[in-house]
């Protein structure tokens, strides 16, 4: 297993056809509040955060390794996260260091336009280049059909379903990419 450490963080911004994946900045704070406070966004991730929690967000929210702000024409529209954490079923979790989990959140007005697929593909391509051989996992509620569809399009294969947070969860794994030629 590869030990994933994002040092230094952040990497250079990643450009796609329409988007820029970059580190968070102070001007994103209001968009983070809108994202985390949205009932639609929170529907499958524990609900929207209360207003008092949103007010306590740091000046530069999301400023941690593995978190990419998804930027469209200079404005934050969502997040893609590749973080080492322990979210999967108990028999899959590696408590000593977790597994690299792909997560994504987008403001509802940007759903259904392919932005999540484009941003996640770019983040996973970056990850495969920097950490060849490391698999990526994804957990989502089975009720979240949009997320399940995206997971399978991104190459995640269902490994297990399990109950957690009062709902059936889907756990998928994306096989590790091999090292690019010349590495």
N, C-alpha and C. Protein backbone atom coordinates (compact mmCIF):
# COMPACT_ATOMS: atom_id res chain seq x y z
N UNK A 1 0.84 -1.19 0.00
CA UNK A 1 0.00 0.00 0.00
C UNK A 1 0.88 1.25 0.00
N UNK A 2 0.44 2.23 -0.70
CA UNK A 2 1.13 3.51 -0.77
C UNK A 2 0.66 4.36 0.39
N UNK A 3 1.58 5.03 1.07
CA UNK A 3 1.19 5.95 2.14
C UNK A 3 0.90 7.30 1.51
N UNK A 4 -0.34 7.70 1.54
CA UNK A 4 -0.75 8.95 0.90
C UNK A 4 -0.55 10.11 1.87
N UNK A 5 0.33 11.00 1.49
CA UNK A 5 0.57 12.23 2.24
C UNK A 5 0.58 13.36 1.23
N UNK A 6 -0.27 14.33 1.43
CA UNK A 6 -0.34 15.46 0.51
C UNK A 6 0.61 16.54 0.99
N UNK A 7 1.87 16.31 0.79
CA UNK A 7 2.85 17.28 1.24
C UNK A 7 3.76 17.61 0.07
N UNK A 8 3.83 18.79 -0.42
CA UNK A 8 3.10 19.96 0.07
C UNK A 8 1.69 20.02 -0.51
N UNK A 9 0.86 20.77 0.15
CA UNK A 9 -0.49 21.02 -0.32
C UNK A 9 -0.70 22.50 -0.37
N UNK A 10 -1.35 23.07 -1.28
CA UNK A 10 -2.06 22.45 -2.40
C UNK A 10 -1.15 22.25 -3.60
N UNK A 11 -1.56 21.37 -4.52
CA UNK A 11 -0.83 21.25 -5.78
C UNK A 11 -1.16 22.44 -6.68
N UNK A 12 -0.51 22.50 -7.80
CA UNK A 12 -0.85 23.54 -8.77
C UNK A 12 -2.32 23.35 -9.18
N UNK A 13 -3.02 24.42 -9.48
CA UNK A 13 -4.41 24.27 -9.93
C UNK A 13 -4.51 23.33 -11.13
N UNK A 14 -5.62 22.61 -11.20
CA UNK A 14 -5.86 21.66 -12.28
C UNK A 14 -6.95 22.23 -13.18
N UNK A 15 -6.64 22.37 -14.45
CA UNK A 15 -7.61 22.90 -15.42
C UNK A 15 -8.25 21.76 -16.19
N UNK A 16 -9.54 21.89 -16.42
CA UNK A 16 -10.27 20.98 -17.30
C UNK A 16 -10.84 21.83 -18.43
N UNK A 17 -11.68 21.24 -19.24
CA UNK A 17 -12.27 21.99 -20.35
C UNK A 17 -13.04 23.21 -19.86
N UNK A 18 -13.78 23.06 -18.75
CA UNK A 18 -14.63 24.15 -18.26
C UNK A 18 -14.30 24.63 -16.86
N UNK A 19 -13.52 23.86 -16.11
CA UNK A 19 -13.36 24.10 -14.68
C UNK A 19 -11.92 24.29 -14.27
N UNK A 20 -11.77 24.78 -13.06
CA UNK A 20 -10.46 24.88 -12.41
C UNK A 20 -10.61 24.26 -11.03
N UNK A 21 -9.74 23.31 -10.70
CA UNK A 21 -9.70 22.73 -9.36
C UNK A 21 -8.54 23.40 -8.65
N UNK A 22 -8.83 24.00 -7.50
CA UNK A 22 -7.83 24.81 -6.82
C UNK A 22 -8.03 24.74 -5.31
N UNK A 23 -7.11 25.35 -4.59
CA UNK A 23 -7.23 25.46 -3.14
C UNK A 23 -8.28 26.52 -2.80
N UNK A 24 -8.82 26.41 -1.62
CA UNK A 24 -9.79 27.38 -1.12
C UNK A 24 -9.12 28.73 -0.87
N UNK A 25 -9.93 29.77 -0.92
CA UNK A 25 -9.44 31.12 -0.61
C UNK A 25 -10.53 31.87 0.15
N UNK A 26 -10.20 32.98 0.79
CA UNK A 26 -11.19 33.70 1.61
C UNK A 26 -12.46 34.07 0.87
N UNK A 27 -12.37 34.38 -0.40
CA UNK A 27 -13.57 34.78 -1.16
C UNK A 27 -14.56 33.63 -1.35
N UNK A 28 -14.17 32.40 -1.01
CA UNK A 28 -15.06 31.24 -1.14
C UNK A 28 -15.95 31.04 0.08
N UNK A 29 -15.70 31.74 1.17
CA UNK A 29 -16.40 31.48 2.43
C UNK A 29 -17.93 31.52 2.28
N UNK A 30 -18.45 32.52 1.61
CA UNK A 30 -19.90 32.63 1.44
C UNK A 30 -20.46 31.46 0.64
N UNK A 31 -19.72 31.00 -0.36
CA UNK A 31 -20.17 29.86 -1.17
C UNK A 31 -20.13 28.56 -0.34
N UNK A 32 -19.12 28.42 0.54
CA UNK A 32 -19.08 27.27 1.45
C UNK A 32 -20.32 27.29 2.34
N UNK A 33 -20.68 28.44 2.85
CA UNK A 33 -21.87 28.55 3.70
C UNK A 33 -23.12 28.15 2.92
N UNK A 34 -23.23 28.59 1.70
CA UNK A 34 -24.38 28.24 0.87
C UNK A 34 -24.40 26.74 0.59
N UNK A 35 -23.25 26.16 0.29
CA UNK A 35 -23.14 24.73 0.00
C UNK A 35 -23.52 23.90 1.22
N UNK A 36 -22.90 24.18 2.36
CA UNK A 36 -23.13 23.39 3.57
C UNK A 36 -24.50 23.67 4.20
N UNK A 37 -25.11 24.80 3.87
CA UNK A 37 -26.42 25.13 4.41
C UNK A 37 -27.58 24.69 3.54
N UNK A 38 -27.29 24.12 2.38
CA UNK A 38 -28.32 23.72 1.43
C UNK A 38 -29.01 22.43 1.86
N UNK A 39 -30.33 22.46 1.92
CA UNK A 39 -31.09 21.25 2.24
C UNK A 39 -30.94 20.20 1.15
N UNK A 40 -30.88 20.63 -0.12
CA UNK A 40 -30.71 19.67 -1.22
C UNK A 40 -29.35 18.98 -1.15
N UNK A 41 -28.30 19.76 -0.91
CA UNK A 41 -26.95 19.19 -0.81
C UNK A 41 -26.85 18.27 0.40
N UNK A 42 -27.46 18.66 1.50
CA UNK A 42 -27.37 17.89 2.73
C UNK A 42 -28.29 16.69 2.80
N UNK A 43 -29.15 16.50 1.81
CA UNK A 43 -30.15 15.43 1.86
C UNK A 43 -29.57 14.05 2.14
N UNK A 44 -28.40 13.76 1.61
CA UNK A 44 -27.81 12.42 1.76
C UNK A 44 -26.53 12.43 2.61
N UNK A 45 -26.24 13.55 3.21
CA UNK A 45 -25.01 13.64 4.01
C UNK A 45 -25.28 14.22 5.41
N UNK A 46 -26.41 13.89 5.96
CA UNK A 46 -26.70 14.31 7.33
C UNK A 46 -27.46 15.60 7.47
N UNK A 47 -27.90 16.18 6.39
CA UNK A 47 -28.69 17.40 6.46
C UNK A 47 -27.85 18.66 6.39
N UNK A 48 -28.51 19.79 6.21
CA UNK A 48 -27.78 21.06 6.16
C UNK A 48 -27.21 21.41 7.52
N UNK A 49 -26.09 22.12 7.51
CA UNK A 49 -25.52 22.58 8.77
C UNK A 49 -26.35 23.76 9.29
N UNK A 50 -26.52 23.84 10.61
CA UNK A 50 -27.26 24.97 11.19
C UNK A 50 -26.52 26.30 10.96
N UNK A 51 -27.29 27.38 10.95
CA UNK A 51 -26.74 28.71 10.68
C UNK A 51 -25.61 29.09 11.63
N UNK A 52 -25.72 28.73 12.92
CA UNK A 52 -24.65 29.09 13.85
C UNK A 52 -23.35 28.37 13.53
N UNK A 53 -23.42 27.13 13.02
CA UNK A 53 -22.20 26.42 12.61
C UNK A 53 -21.61 27.06 11.36
N UNK A 54 -22.47 27.47 10.45
CA UNK A 54 -21.99 28.10 9.22
C UNK A 54 -21.28 29.41 9.52
N UNK A 55 -21.77 30.15 10.51
CA UNK A 55 -21.12 31.40 10.89
C UNK A 55 -19.73 31.17 11.49
N UNK A 56 -19.52 29.98 12.05
CA UNK A 56 -18.22 29.67 12.67
C UNK A 56 -17.20 29.10 11.69
N UNK A 57 -17.55 29.00 10.41
CA UNK A 57 -16.58 28.52 9.44
C UNK A 57 -15.36 29.44 9.46
N UNK A 58 -14.17 28.88 9.30
CA UNK A 58 -12.98 29.74 9.29
C UNK A 58 -12.99 30.70 8.09
N UNK A 59 -12.11 31.67 8.16
CA UNK A 59 -12.01 32.65 7.08
C UNK A 59 -11.75 31.97 5.73
N UNK A 60 -10.95 30.91 5.76
CA UNK A 60 -10.68 30.14 4.55
C UNK A 60 -11.12 28.70 4.81
N UNK A 61 -12.41 28.40 4.61
CA UNK A 61 -12.90 27.05 4.87
C UNK A 61 -12.35 26.04 3.86
N UNK A 62 -12.29 24.79 4.27
CA UNK A 62 -11.86 23.73 3.36
C UNK A 62 -10.40 23.76 3.03
N UNK A 63 -9.64 24.48 3.80
CA UNK A 63 -8.21 24.60 3.52
C UNK A 63 -7.48 23.46 4.24
N UNK A 64 -7.57 22.27 3.62
CA UNK A 64 -6.88 21.11 4.18
C UNK A 64 -6.51 20.18 3.03
N UNK A 65 -5.51 19.36 3.25
CA UNK A 65 -5.06 18.46 2.19
C UNK A 65 -6.18 17.57 1.67
N UNK A 66 -6.23 17.46 0.36
CA UNK A 66 -7.20 16.60 -0.30
C UNK A 66 -8.47 17.30 -0.74
N UNK A 67 -8.64 18.57 -0.40
CA UNK A 67 -9.88 19.29 -0.73
C UNK A 67 -9.60 20.26 -1.89
N UNK A 68 -10.33 20.04 -2.97
CA UNK A 68 -10.25 20.92 -4.14
C UNK A 68 -11.55 21.72 -4.24
N UNK A 69 -11.42 23.02 -4.38
CA UNK A 69 -12.56 23.86 -4.74
C UNK A 69 -12.75 23.72 -6.24
N UNK A 70 -13.98 23.55 -6.66
CA UNK A 70 -14.29 23.49 -8.09
C UNK A 70 -14.78 24.88 -8.49
N UNK A 71 -14.07 25.47 -9.42
CA UNK A 71 -14.25 26.86 -9.82
C UNK A 71 -14.74 26.91 -11.26
N UNK A 72 -15.82 27.64 -11.50
CA UNK A 72 -16.34 27.88 -12.84
C UNK A 72 -16.31 29.38 -13.07
N UNK A 73 -15.50 29.82 -13.98
CA UNK A 73 -15.41 31.24 -14.33
C UNK A 73 -15.15 32.13 -13.11
N UNK A 74 -14.28 31.66 -12.21
CA UNK A 74 -13.90 32.45 -11.04
C UNK A 74 -14.80 32.32 -9.84
N UNK A 75 -15.80 31.43 -9.90
CA UNK A 75 -16.75 31.27 -8.80
C UNK A 75 -16.78 29.81 -8.36
N UNK A 76 -16.75 29.59 -7.04
CA UNK A 76 -16.83 28.25 -6.49
C UNK A 76 -18.23 27.68 -6.73
N UNK A 77 -18.26 26.46 -7.33
CA UNK A 77 -19.55 25.79 -7.55
C UNK A 77 -19.65 24.48 -6.78
N UNK A 78 -18.54 24.05 -6.20
CA UNK A 78 -18.57 22.79 -5.47
C UNK A 78 -17.20 22.41 -4.94
N UNK A 79 -17.15 21.19 -4.43
CA UNK A 79 -15.92 20.63 -3.85
C UNK A 79 -15.72 19.21 -4.35
N UNK A 80 -14.47 18.83 -4.51
CA UNK A 80 -14.08 17.44 -4.70
C UNK A 80 -13.05 17.16 -3.63
N UNK A 81 -13.25 16.04 -2.93
CA UNK A 81 -12.35 15.70 -1.81
C UNK A 81 -11.77 14.32 -2.02
N UNK A 82 -10.48 14.21 -1.87
CA UNK A 82 -9.77 12.94 -1.85
C UNK A 82 -9.06 12.88 -0.51
N UNK A 83 -9.76 12.35 0.48
CA UNK A 83 -9.27 12.39 1.84
C UNK A 83 -9.12 11.00 2.42
N UNK A 84 -8.09 10.83 3.23
CA UNK A 84 -7.89 9.57 3.93
C UNK A 84 -8.75 9.62 5.19
N UNK A 85 -9.77 8.78 5.20
CA UNK A 85 -10.68 8.74 6.33
C UNK A 85 -11.33 7.37 6.40
N UNK A 86 -12.02 7.12 7.46
CA UNK A 86 -12.61 5.82 7.72
C UNK A 86 -14.13 5.91 7.68
N UNK A 87 -14.71 5.85 6.48
CA UNK A 87 -16.15 5.98 6.35
C UNK A 87 -16.85 4.69 5.96
N UNK A 88 -16.12 3.73 5.49
CA UNK A 88 -16.73 2.51 4.95
C UNK A 88 -17.23 1.57 6.01
N UNK A 89 -17.67 0.38 5.56
CA UNK A 89 -18.15 -0.64 6.50
C UNK A 89 -17.02 -1.08 7.43
N UNK A 90 -17.38 -1.53 8.62
CA UNK A 90 -16.39 -1.84 9.66
C UNK A 90 -15.33 -2.83 9.18
N UNK A 91 -15.70 -3.81 8.36
CA UNK A 91 -14.71 -4.80 7.93
C UNK A 91 -13.78 -4.29 6.84
N UNK A 92 -14.02 -3.11 6.30
CA UNK A 92 -13.15 -2.52 5.27
C UNK A 92 -12.24 -1.43 5.80
N UNK A 93 -12.58 -0.88 6.92
CA UNK A 93 -11.84 0.28 7.43
C UNK A 93 -10.47 -0.15 7.92
N UNK A 94 -9.47 0.64 7.55
CA UNK A 94 -8.12 0.42 8.04
C UNK A 94 -7.84 1.51 9.07
N UNK A 95 -8.14 1.26 10.34
CA UNK A 95 -8.07 2.32 11.35
C UNK A 95 -6.72 3.01 11.46
N UNK A 96 -5.64 2.31 11.13
CA UNK A 96 -4.33 2.93 11.28
C UNK A 96 -4.10 4.08 10.31
N UNK A 97 -4.75 4.06 9.15
CA UNK A 97 -4.52 5.15 8.22
C UNK A 97 -5.68 5.41 7.27
N UNK A 98 -6.77 4.69 7.43
CA UNK A 98 -7.94 4.94 6.59
C UNK A 98 -7.71 4.56 5.14
N UNK A 99 -8.71 4.83 4.33
CA UNK A 99 -8.61 4.62 2.89
C UNK A 99 -8.85 5.97 2.23
N UNK A 100 -8.35 6.15 1.04
CA UNK A 100 -8.57 7.40 0.33
C UNK A 100 -9.99 7.36 -0.24
N UNK A 101 -10.80 8.29 0.22
CA UNK A 101 -12.22 8.34 -0.11
C UNK A 101 -12.49 9.53 -1.02
N UNK A 102 -13.19 9.29 -2.11
CA UNK A 102 -13.61 10.37 -3.00
C UNK A 102 -14.96 10.88 -2.52
N UNK A 103 -15.07 12.17 -2.34
CA UNK A 103 -16.32 12.81 -2.00
C UNK A 103 -16.52 14.02 -2.90
N UNK A 104 -17.77 14.41 -3.10
CA UNK A 104 -18.05 15.57 -3.94
C UNK A 104 -19.35 16.21 -3.49
N UNK A 105 -19.38 17.51 -3.49
CA UNK A 105 -20.56 18.30 -3.17
C UNK A 105 -20.62 19.46 -4.16
N UNK A 106 -21.79 19.66 -4.75
CA UNK A 106 -21.97 20.77 -5.69
C UNK A 106 -23.24 21.52 -5.35
N UNK A 107 -23.23 22.81 -5.58
CA UNK A 107 -24.43 23.61 -5.39
C UNK A 107 -25.51 23.11 -6.36
N UNK A 108 -26.76 23.00 -5.91
CA UNK A 108 -27.83 22.41 -6.73
C UNK A 108 -28.00 23.04 -8.11
N UNK A 109 -27.76 24.33 -8.22
CA UNK A 109 -27.96 24.97 -9.53
C UNK A 109 -26.95 24.51 -10.57
N UNK A 110 -25.95 23.72 -10.15
CA UNK A 110 -24.94 23.20 -11.07
C UNK A 110 -25.06 21.70 -11.26
N UNK A 111 -26.11 21.09 -10.76
CA UNK A 111 -26.35 19.66 -10.94
C UNK A 111 -26.82 19.40 -12.37
N UNK A 112 -26.52 18.21 -12.85
CA UNK A 112 -27.03 17.76 -14.14
C UNK A 112 -26.34 18.36 -15.35
N UNK A 113 -25.20 19.01 -15.16
CA UNK A 113 -24.49 19.65 -16.27
C UNK A 113 -23.14 18.98 -16.56
N UNK A 114 -22.85 17.89 -15.85
CA UNK A 114 -21.58 17.18 -16.06
C UNK A 114 -20.40 17.74 -15.30
N UNK A 115 -20.63 18.77 -14.48
CA UNK A 115 -19.50 19.36 -13.75
C UNK A 115 -18.89 18.40 -12.73
N UNK A 116 -19.72 17.63 -12.03
CA UNK A 116 -19.19 16.69 -11.03
C UNK A 116 -18.33 15.64 -11.71
N UNK A 117 -18.79 15.08 -12.81
CA UNK A 117 -18.01 14.07 -13.52
C UNK A 117 -16.69 14.65 -14.01
N UNK A 118 -16.73 15.84 -14.56
CA UNK A 118 -15.54 16.50 -15.09
C UNK A 118 -14.53 16.78 -13.97
N UNK A 119 -15.01 17.31 -12.86
CA UNK A 119 -14.13 17.64 -11.74
C UNK A 119 -13.56 16.39 -11.07
N UNK A 120 -14.41 15.39 -10.85
CA UNK A 120 -13.94 14.15 -10.21
C UNK A 120 -12.94 13.43 -11.09
N UNK A 121 -13.18 13.40 -12.39
CA UNK A 121 -12.24 12.76 -13.31
C UNK A 121 -10.88 13.45 -13.24
N UNK A 122 -10.88 14.77 -13.22
CA UNK A 122 -9.61 15.51 -13.13
C UNK A 122 -8.89 15.24 -11.82
N UNK A 123 -9.64 15.22 -10.72
CA UNK A 123 -9.02 14.96 -9.41
C UNK A 123 -8.46 13.54 -9.35
N UNK A 124 -9.21 12.57 -9.87
CA UNK A 124 -8.74 11.18 -9.86
C UNK A 124 -7.53 11.00 -10.78
N UNK A 125 -7.49 11.69 -11.91
CA UNK A 125 -6.33 11.63 -12.80
C UNK A 125 -5.10 12.18 -12.08
N UNK A 126 -5.26 13.32 -11.40
CA UNK A 126 -4.17 13.88 -10.60
C UNK A 126 -3.71 12.88 -9.55
N UNK A 127 -4.65 12.29 -8.84
CA UNK A 127 -4.33 11.33 -7.78
C UNK A 127 -3.55 10.14 -8.34
N UNK A 128 -4.00 9.60 -9.47
CA UNK A 128 -3.32 8.45 -10.08
C UNK A 128 -1.90 8.78 -10.49
N UNK A 129 -1.67 10.01 -10.93
CA UNK A 129 -0.31 10.41 -11.33
C UNK A 129 0.60 10.59 -10.12
N UNK A 130 0.05 11.12 -9.04
CA UNK A 130 0.85 11.40 -7.85
C UNK A 130 0.99 10.17 -6.97
N UNK A 131 -0.04 9.32 -6.92
CA UNK A 131 -0.05 8.15 -6.05
C UNK A 131 -0.41 6.89 -6.82
N UNK A 132 0.42 6.50 -7.82
CA UNK A 132 0.09 5.30 -8.57
C UNK A 132 0.04 4.09 -7.63
N UNK A 133 -0.91 3.23 -7.86
CA UNK A 133 -1.03 2.02 -7.05
C UNK A 133 -1.96 2.14 -5.87
N UNK A 134 -2.46 3.34 -5.58
CA UNK A 134 -3.36 3.51 -4.43
C UNK A 134 -4.81 3.47 -4.91
N UNK A 135 -5.61 2.53 -4.41
CA UNK A 135 -7.03 2.52 -4.78
C UNK A 135 -7.78 3.65 -4.10
N UNK A 136 -8.94 3.95 -4.60
CA UNK A 136 -9.80 4.98 -4.03
C UNK A 136 -11.15 4.34 -3.75
N UNK A 137 -11.76 4.70 -2.62
CA UNK A 137 -13.07 4.18 -2.26
C UNK A 137 -14.09 5.30 -2.30
N UNK A 138 -15.36 4.92 -2.30
CA UNK A 138 -16.44 5.88 -2.31
C UNK A 138 -17.61 5.28 -1.55
N UNK A 139 -18.20 6.06 -0.67
CA UNK A 139 -19.39 5.66 0.07
C UNK A 139 -20.50 6.65 -0.25
N UNK A 140 -21.70 6.13 -0.48
CA UNK A 140 -22.86 6.98 -0.70
C UNK A 140 -24.11 6.21 -0.31
N UNK A 141 -25.16 6.91 -0.03
CA UNK A 141 -26.43 6.25 0.26
C UNK A 141 -26.97 5.65 -1.04
N UNK A 142 -27.54 4.45 -0.93
CA UNK A 142 -28.13 3.83 -2.12
C UNK A 142 -29.29 4.66 -2.66
N UNK A 143 -29.93 5.45 -1.81
CA UNK A 143 -31.04 6.30 -2.25
C UNK A 143 -30.57 7.46 -3.13
N UNK A 144 -29.28 7.77 -3.10
CA UNK A 144 -28.74 8.88 -3.87
C UNK A 144 -28.37 8.39 -5.27
N UNK A 145 -29.37 8.29 -6.13
CA UNK A 145 -29.18 7.73 -7.47
C UNK A 145 -28.19 8.52 -8.32
N UNK A 146 -28.17 9.84 -8.17
CA UNK A 146 -27.21 10.65 -8.94
C UNK A 146 -25.78 10.29 -8.56
N UNK A 147 -25.53 10.14 -7.28
CA UNK A 147 -24.19 9.80 -6.81
C UNK A 147 -23.79 8.40 -7.25
N UNK A 148 -24.73 7.45 -7.16
CA UNK A 148 -24.43 6.08 -7.60
C UNK A 148 -24.10 6.04 -9.09
N UNK A 149 -24.84 6.76 -9.87
CA UNK A 149 -24.59 6.81 -11.31
C UNK A 149 -23.21 7.39 -11.61
N UNK A 150 -22.88 8.48 -10.94
CA UNK A 150 -21.57 9.08 -11.14
C UNK A 150 -20.46 8.12 -10.69
N UNK A 151 -20.64 7.46 -9.56
CA UNK A 151 -19.63 6.52 -9.06
C UNK A 151 -19.32 5.44 -10.09
N UNK A 152 -20.34 4.88 -10.69
CA UNK A 152 -20.10 3.82 -11.67
C UNK A 152 -19.46 4.37 -12.95
N UNK A 153 -19.87 5.58 -13.35
CA UNK A 153 -19.22 6.20 -14.53
C UNK A 153 -17.75 6.47 -14.28
N UNK A 154 -17.39 6.75 -13.02
CA UNK A 154 -15.99 7.03 -12.67
C UNK A 154 -15.17 5.75 -12.49
N UNK A 155 -15.81 4.59 -12.60
CA UNK A 155 -15.08 3.33 -12.50
C UNK A 155 -15.13 2.65 -11.15
N UNK A 156 -15.98 3.12 -10.25
CA UNK A 156 -16.13 2.47 -8.95
C UNK A 156 -17.02 1.25 -9.11
N UNK A 157 -16.63 0.17 -8.45
CA UNK A 157 -17.36 -1.08 -8.50
C UNK A 157 -17.90 -1.38 -7.11
N UNK A 158 -19.17 -1.74 -7.04
CA UNK A 158 -19.77 -2.04 -5.74
C UNK A 158 -19.07 -3.23 -5.09
N UNK A 159 -18.71 -3.04 -3.83
CA UNK A 159 -18.10 -4.10 -3.03
C UNK A 159 -19.08 -4.60 -1.99
N UNK A 160 -19.85 -3.65 -1.44
CA UNK A 160 -20.71 -4.02 -0.33
C UNK A 160 -21.78 -2.96 -0.10
N UNK A 161 -22.90 -3.40 0.46
CA UNK A 161 -23.92 -2.50 0.98
C UNK A 161 -24.01 -2.77 2.47
N UNK A 162 -24.28 -1.73 3.23
CA UNK A 162 -24.33 -1.87 4.68
C UNK A 162 -25.21 -0.77 5.25
N UNK A 163 -25.63 -0.94 6.48
CA UNK A 163 -26.46 0.04 7.17
C UNK A 163 -25.58 0.96 8.02
N UNK A 164 -25.77 2.25 7.87
CA UNK A 164 -25.07 3.22 8.71
C UNK A 164 -25.84 4.54 8.61
N UNK A 165 -25.84 5.31 9.67
CA UNK A 165 -26.55 6.59 9.71
C UNK A 165 -28.04 6.41 9.40
N UNK A 166 -28.60 5.25 9.73
CA UNK A 166 -30.01 5.00 9.53
C UNK A 166 -30.43 4.75 8.09
N UNK A 167 -29.46 4.52 7.19
CA UNK A 167 -29.77 4.30 5.78
C UNK A 167 -28.85 3.25 5.19
N UNK A 168 -29.30 2.64 4.08
CA UNK A 168 -28.43 1.71 3.37
C UNK A 168 -27.34 2.51 2.64
N UNK A 169 -26.11 2.08 2.81
CA UNK A 169 -24.96 2.72 2.20
C UNK A 169 -24.38 1.82 1.10
N UNK A 170 -23.81 2.44 0.11
CA UNK A 170 -23.15 1.75 -0.99
C UNK A 170 -21.66 2.01 -0.85
N UNK A 171 -20.87 0.97 -0.88
CA UNK A 171 -19.41 1.09 -0.76
C UNK A 171 -18.79 0.55 -2.03
N UNK A 172 -18.04 1.39 -2.75
CA UNK A 172 -17.39 0.99 -3.98
C UNK A 172 -15.90 1.26 -3.95
N UNK A 173 -15.19 0.55 -4.79
CA UNK A 173 -13.74 0.71 -4.89
C UNK A 173 -13.38 0.93 -6.35
N UNK A 174 -12.48 1.82 -6.57
CA UNK A 174 -11.90 2.07 -7.89
C UNK A 174 -10.50 1.51 -7.85
N UNK A 175 -10.21 0.59 -8.72
CA UNK A 175 -8.91 -0.08 -8.71
C UNK A 175 -7.79 0.93 -8.85
N UNK A 176 -6.67 0.59 -8.26
CA UNK A 176 -5.50 1.45 -8.33
C UNK A 176 -5.01 1.53 -9.77
N UNK A 177 -4.64 2.72 -10.18
CA UNK A 177 -4.04 2.90 -11.51
C UNK A 177 -2.57 2.55 -11.40
N UNK A 178 -2.04 2.02 -12.46
CA UNK A 178 -0.61 1.71 -12.44
C UNK A 178 0.17 2.97 -12.73
N UNK A 179 1.46 2.90 -12.46
CA UNK A 179 2.32 4.05 -12.67
C UNK A 179 2.33 4.43 -14.15
N UNK A 180 2.27 5.73 -14.46
CA UNK A 180 2.34 6.16 -15.86
C UNK A 180 3.68 5.75 -16.47
N UNK A 181 3.75 5.58 -17.79
CA UNK A 181 5.03 5.24 -18.42
C UNK A 181 6.09 6.26 -18.04
N UNK A 182 7.30 5.76 -17.84
CA UNK A 182 8.42 6.65 -17.51
C UNK A 182 8.61 6.87 -16.03
N UNK A 183 7.77 6.28 -15.20
CA UNK A 183 7.92 6.46 -13.74
C UNK A 183 8.65 5.31 -13.16
